[in-house]
Amino acid sequence: MKVLPRHLAGPGPLDPRTVWPFPFDEDWSLHQPAKGQAFATSPCLRLWTSLVLEPDSPSKGKWTIAANRVPFGPAAWQITFDATTPVELLHDVHTELLDLYHEDRHGDRDGLFEDETPPQEAYTPLLVNGWSHRVKTDSTQTFRAPEALGFVRHQYAATNTSRPAWTAAGGYPNEPHWRARFSFGAPNTLAAAFTASLISTEPVHRTVKDIPFHTRSHLYVAATTQATKQVPHSTPLAMPPATPAPGRTR
């Protein structure tokens, strides 16, 4: 069935080739040293991304993106996602990452390390789509999903760069099903791609067993004529699903 909203839909298939849009048949490298591990590296060796599965942990493992100013140097910034993060969010961030890499490689800018995208490009779409907004005196602002089962937190002042610049989660606040963290220095362009995917009204395919039990009652099955951006007009998950229309990830 096709369901919405994405942040409550469950992870989907944990397949690196589904998440990573990189041209492995050309110049990107794919390494799978052991079961449950996969690594991808750019031709310049300044950019890498990985999946390490940990079936016994609550997060089931971790996806990591990191960029180095020089090959094999220390990471200038890092992004991590729990392995329980919906794969559509992961795919859209990695697609934007590849676009950013190509722009840097074939242009005169260095968007991987000198991103000029303002943070409001990441959080304004949340406000437009009905997410609440709360600002605290600790230099953070939090945007919460309409059903209060997902949030995006932004540290708008670099008062403590040891904390993530962006944090997101889906599920109940005291027991989220997944988390994402963007360190300081990570391009806001990638944060914007993440939030755009987060609020996308393009439904995602899941079986009932794929969906976390505690979020099932908050999901909707998309109607076959899904053309509206209003999720409440979809069919509640408890109803028999209609045959879904094909759609694209982004």
Protein backbone atom coordinates (compact mmCIF):
# COMPACT_ATOMS: atom_id res chain seq x y z
CA MET A 1 0.00 0.00 0.00
CA LYS A 2 1.00 3.65 -0.40
CA VAL A 3 1.02 5.60 2.86
CA LEU A 4 1.61 9.06 4.34
CA PRO A 5 3.15 10.82 6.23
CA ARG A 6 6.66 9.64 5.50
CA HIS A 7 8.15 10.20 8.93
CA LEU A 8 5.84 7.57 10.46
CA ALA A 9 5.97 4.98 7.67
CA GLY A 10 8.87 2.83 8.89
CA PRO A 11 12.24 2.30 7.22
CA GLY A 12 11.37 0.35 4.09
CA PRO A 13 13.94 -1.90 2.36
CA LEU A 14 17.47 -1.56 3.81
CA ASP A 15 19.25 -1.76 0.47
CA PRO A 16 22.23 0.57 -0.15
CA ARG A 17 21.58 0.50 -3.89
CA THR A 18 18.06 1.80 -3.23
CA VAL A 19 19.40 4.65 -1.09
CA TRP A 20 22.58 5.51 -3.01
CA PRO A 21 22.13 7.02 -6.50
CA PHE A 22 25.88 7.02 -7.16
CA PRO A 23 27.24 5.89 -10.58
CA PHE A 24 29.11 2.79 -9.40
CA ASP A 25 29.52 1.60 -12.99
CA GLU A 26 31.50 4.77 -13.73
CA ASP A 27 33.72 6.34 -11.10
CA TRP A 28 32.22 5.86 -7.63
CA SER A 29 33.40 2.90 -5.55
CA LEU A 30 31.21 0.46 -3.63
CA HIS A 31 32.70 -1.73 -0.89
CA GLN A 32 30.85 -4.43 1.05
CA PRO A 33 33.51 -5.96 3.34
CA ALA A 34 31.09 -8.00 5.44
CA LYS A 35 27.44 -8.83 5.78
CA GLY A 36 25.52 -5.81 7.00
CA GLN A 37 28.23 -3.35 5.95
CA ALA A 38 28.52 -1.17 2.85
CA PHE A 39 30.68 1.83 1.98
CA ALA A 40 30.65 4.19 -1.00
CA THR A 41 33.41 6.67 -1.86
CA SER A 42 33.67 9.45 -4.39
CA PRO A 43 36.44 9.43 -7.03
CA CYS A 44 38.24 12.28 -5.21
CA LEU A 45 38.11 10.33 -1.92
CA ARG A 46 36.87 13.43 -0.08
CA LEU A 47 33.32 12.15 0.29
CA TRP A 48 32.10 8.85 1.70
CA THR A 49 28.90 7.30 2.97
CA SER A 50 28.26 4.05 4.75
CA LEU A 51 25.73 1.65 6.23
CA VAL A 52 26.57 -0.48 9.25
CA LEU A 53 23.74 -2.69 10.48
CA GLU A 54 23.36 -3.61 14.16
CA PRO A 55 20.25 -5.82 14.34
CA ASP A 56 20.30 -6.01 18.14
CA SER A 57 20.31 -2.23 18.71
CA PRO A 58 17.12 -0.12 18.81
CA SER A 59 18.32 1.91 15.82
CA LYS A 60 19.22 -1.29 13.89
CA GLY A 61 22.46 0.38 12.81
CA LYS A 62 23.57 3.63 11.23
CA TRP A 63 23.87 5.41 7.89
CA THR A 64 26.72 7.95 7.83
CA ILE A 65 27.75 10.64 5.36
CA ALA A 66 31.06 12.47 5.85
CA ALA A 67 33.21 14.89 3.88
CA ASN A 68 36.98 15.44 4.21
CA ARG A 69 38.77 18.49 2.86
CA VAL A 70 41.64 16.22 1.81
CA PRO A 71 41.55 12.48 1.05
CA PHE A 72 41.71 10.37 4.22
CA GLY A 73 41.76 13.52 6.37
CA PRO A 74 39.52 14.20 9.37
CA ALA A 75 35.84 14.72 8.64
CA ALA A 76 34.92 18.36 8.15
CA TRP A 77 31.27 17.50 8.75
CA GLN A 78 29.11 14.43 9.26
CA ILE A 79 25.48 13.38 8.94
CA THR A 80 24.07 10.26 10.60
CA PHE A 81 20.74 8.48 10.31
CA ASP A 82 19.42 5.54 12.29
CA ALA A 83 18.95 2.51 10.07
CA THR A 84 15.25 2.77 10.96
CA THR A 85 14.98 6.07 9.04
CA PRO A 86 12.58 5.88 6.06
CA VAL A 87 14.65 5.06 2.96
CA GLU A 88 12.94 7.77 0.91
CA LEU A 89 14.43 10.45 3.18
CA LEU A 90 17.85 8.83 2.84
CA HIS A 91 17.58 8.55 -0.94
CA ASP A 92 16.61 12.19 -1.37
CA VAL A 93 19.49 13.44 0.80
CA HIS A 94 22.00 11.27 -1.08
CA THR A 95 20.58 12.44 -4.43
CA GLU A 96 21.12 16.05 -3.37
CA LEU A 97 24.59 15.10 -2.15
CA LEU A 98 25.47 13.72 -5.58
CA ASP A 99 24.12 16.87 -7.27
CA LEU A 100 26.20 19.02 -4.92
CA TYR A 101 29.28 16.90 -5.65
CA HIS A 102 28.80 17.30 -9.40
CA GLU A 103 28.35 21.05 -9.07
CA ASP A 104 31.60 21.29 -7.15
CA ARG A 105 33.46 19.03 -9.53
CA HIS A 106 32.40 20.83 -12.68
CA GLY A 107 32.12 24.37 -11.35
CA ASP A 108 34.11 26.97 -9.44
CA ARG A 109 32.30 26.62 -6.12
CA ASP A 110 32.90 24.34 -3.14
CA GLY A 111 29.38 23.74 -1.91
CA LEU A 112 30.39 20.72 0.12
CA PHE A 113 32.37 22.98 2.47
CA GLU A 114 31.24 26.55 1.73
CA ASP A 115 27.49 26.20 1.40
CA GLU A 116 25.64 29.50 1.05
CA THR A 117 22.12 28.11 1.46
CA PRO A 118 20.36 29.94 4.32
CA PRO A 119 18.84 27.71 7.03
CA GLN A 120 15.36 29.07 6.42
CA GLU A 121 15.27 27.12 3.16
CA ALA A 122 15.22 24.00 5.33
CA TYR A 123 12.64 25.06 7.89
CA THR A 124 10.28 27.44 6.04
CA PRO A 125 8.59 24.55 4.17
CA LEU A 126 7.83 22.94 7.53
CA LEU A 127 6.00 26.07 8.68
CA VAL A 128 4.10 26.30 5.40
CA ASN A 129 2.95 22.71 5.89
CA GLY A 130 1.53 23.22 9.36
CA TRP A 131 4.46 22.28 11.58
CA SER A 132 4.54 24.21 14.86
CA HIS A 133 7.47 26.41 15.86
CA ARG A 134 9.01 27.00 19.27
CA VAL A 135 12.16 29.03 20.02
CA LYS A 136 14.16 28.53 23.22
CA THR A 137 16.83 30.65 24.86
CA ASP A 138 19.43 27.88 24.43
CA SER A 139 19.84 28.93 20.75
CA THR A 140 17.56 26.19 19.42
CA GLN A 141 14.27 26.28 17.58
CA THR A 142 12.05 23.23 17.21
CA PHE A 143 9.52 22.47 14.48
CA ARG A 144 7.00 19.78 15.37
CA ALA A 145 4.77 17.78 13.03
CA PRO A 146 1.01 18.45 13.15
CA GLU A 147 0.32 15.13 14.94
CA ALA A 148 3.28 15.82 17.31
CA LEU A 149 5.02 12.56 16.33
CA GLY A 150 8.00 14.07 14.56
CA PHE A 151 10.27 17.08 14.93
CA VAL A 152 13.16 18.99 13.39
CA ARG A 153 15.42 20.94 15.76
CA HIS A 154 17.81 23.64 14.54
CA GLN A 155 20.63 25.18 16.55
CA TYR A 156 20.48 28.64 15.02
CA ALA A 157 23.54 30.01 16.86
CA ALA A 158 26.88 28.24 16.93
CA THR A 159 27.15 28.44 20.71
CA ASN A 160 27.98 24.75 21.07
CA THR A 161 29.33 23.15 17.89
CA SER A 162 29.68 19.80 19.64
CA ARG A 163 25.90 19.48 19.34
CA PRO A 164 24.26 18.86 15.95
CA ALA A 165 23.22 21.86 13.91
CA TRP A 166 20.11 19.92 12.86
CA THR A 167 18.37 17.04 14.62
CA ALA A 168 15.23 15.25 13.48
CA ALA A 169 13.19 12.31 14.70
CA GLY A 170 10.00 10.43 13.94
CA GLY A 171 7.73 8.63 16.41
CA TYR A 172 6.75 9.34 20.00
CA PRO A 173 9.02 11.98 21.60
CA ASN A 174 10.11 9.72 24.47
CA GLU A 175 10.74 6.76 22.15
CA PRO A 176 11.37 7.92 18.55
CA HIS A 177 11.55 5.25 15.90
CA TRP A 178 14.39 7.00 14.08
CA ARG A 179 16.78 9.95 14.47
CA ALA A 180 18.88 12.04 12.10
CA ARG A 181 21.75 14.38 13.01
CA PHE A 182 23.57 16.98 10.88
CA SER A 183 26.79 18.33 12.37
CA PHE A 184 27.90 21.94 12.07
CA GLY A 185 29.47 22.45 8.66
CA ALA A 186 27.09 20.05 6.92
CA PRO A 187 25.57 21.90 3.94
CA ASN A 188 22.17 23.45 4.60
CA THR A 189 21.38 22.32 1.06
CA LEU A 190 21.29 18.76 2.38
CA ALA A 191 19.16 19.75 5.37
CA ALA A 192 16.74 21.41 2.94
CA ALA A 193 16.60 18.25 0.80
CA PHE A 194 15.86 16.27 3.96
CA THR A 195 12.98 18.47 5.12
CA ALA A 196 11.55 18.65 1.59
CA SER A 197 11.43 14.86 1.54
CA LEU A 198 10.07 14.77 5.09
CA ILE A 199 6.97 16.77 4.15
CA SER A 200 6.57 15.36 0.64
CA THR A 201 3.02 14.35 -0.23
CA GLU A 202 4.30 11.66 -2.57
CA PRO A 203 3.22 8.49 -0.72
CA VAL A 204 5.64 5.66 0.04
CA HIS A 205 5.12 1.94 -0.42
CA ARG A 206 4.93 -0.20 2.70
CA THR A 207 3.38 -3.47 3.81
CA VAL A 208 1.53 -3.46 7.13
CA LYS A 209 4.35 -5.41 8.81
CA ASP A 210 6.84 -2.71 7.68
CA ILE A 211 5.03 0.01 9.65
CA PRO A 212 5.91 0.58 13.33
CA PHE A 213 3.00 -0.64 15.43
CA HIS A 214 2.71 2.54 17.50
CA THR A 215 2.36 4.83 14.46
CA ARG A 216 -0.10 2.81 12.40
CA SER A 217 -3.15 4.68 13.63
CA HIS A 218 -1.61 7.98 12.49
CA LEU A 219 -0.97 6.92 8.88
CA TYR A 220 -3.16 7.32 5.84
CA VAL A 221 -3.46 5.13 2.79
CA ALA A 222 -3.15 7.27 -0.32
CA ALA A 223 -6.09 7.22 -2.70
CA THR A 224 -5.53 6.13 -6.29
CA THR A 225 -6.19 9.68 -7.50
CA GLN A 226 -3.68 11.21 -5.08
CA ALA A 227 -3.20 14.69 -6.45
CA THR A 228 -3.88 16.89 -3.47
CA LYS A 229 -1.35 18.04 -0.91
CA GLN A 230 -3.81 17.63 1.94
CA VAL A 231 -2.99 14.37 3.73
CA PRO A 232 -6.32 14.24 5.66
CA HIS A 233 -8.13 13.65 2.35
CA SER A 234 -6.39 10.28 2.08
CA THR A 235 -7.97 7.10 3.40
CA PRO A 236 -7.26 6.13 7.05
CA LEU A 237 -4.93 3.15 7.40
CA ALA A 238 -7.66 1.14 9.08
CA MET A 239 -9.68 1.17 5.85
CA PRO A 240 -9.02 -1.29 2.99
CA PRO A 241 -6.39 0.31 0.73
CA ALA A 242 -7.15 1.24 -2.84
CA THR A 243 -4.77 0.13 -5.57
CA PRO A 244 -2.00 2.74 -5.50
CA ALA A 245 -0.93 4.77 -8.48
CA PRO A 246 2.77 4.66 -9.39
CA GLY A 247 4.83 7.54 -8.13
CA ARG A 248 8.38 8.75 -7.91
CA THR A 249 10.51 9.18 -4.81
CA ARG A 250 11.16 12.87 -5.15
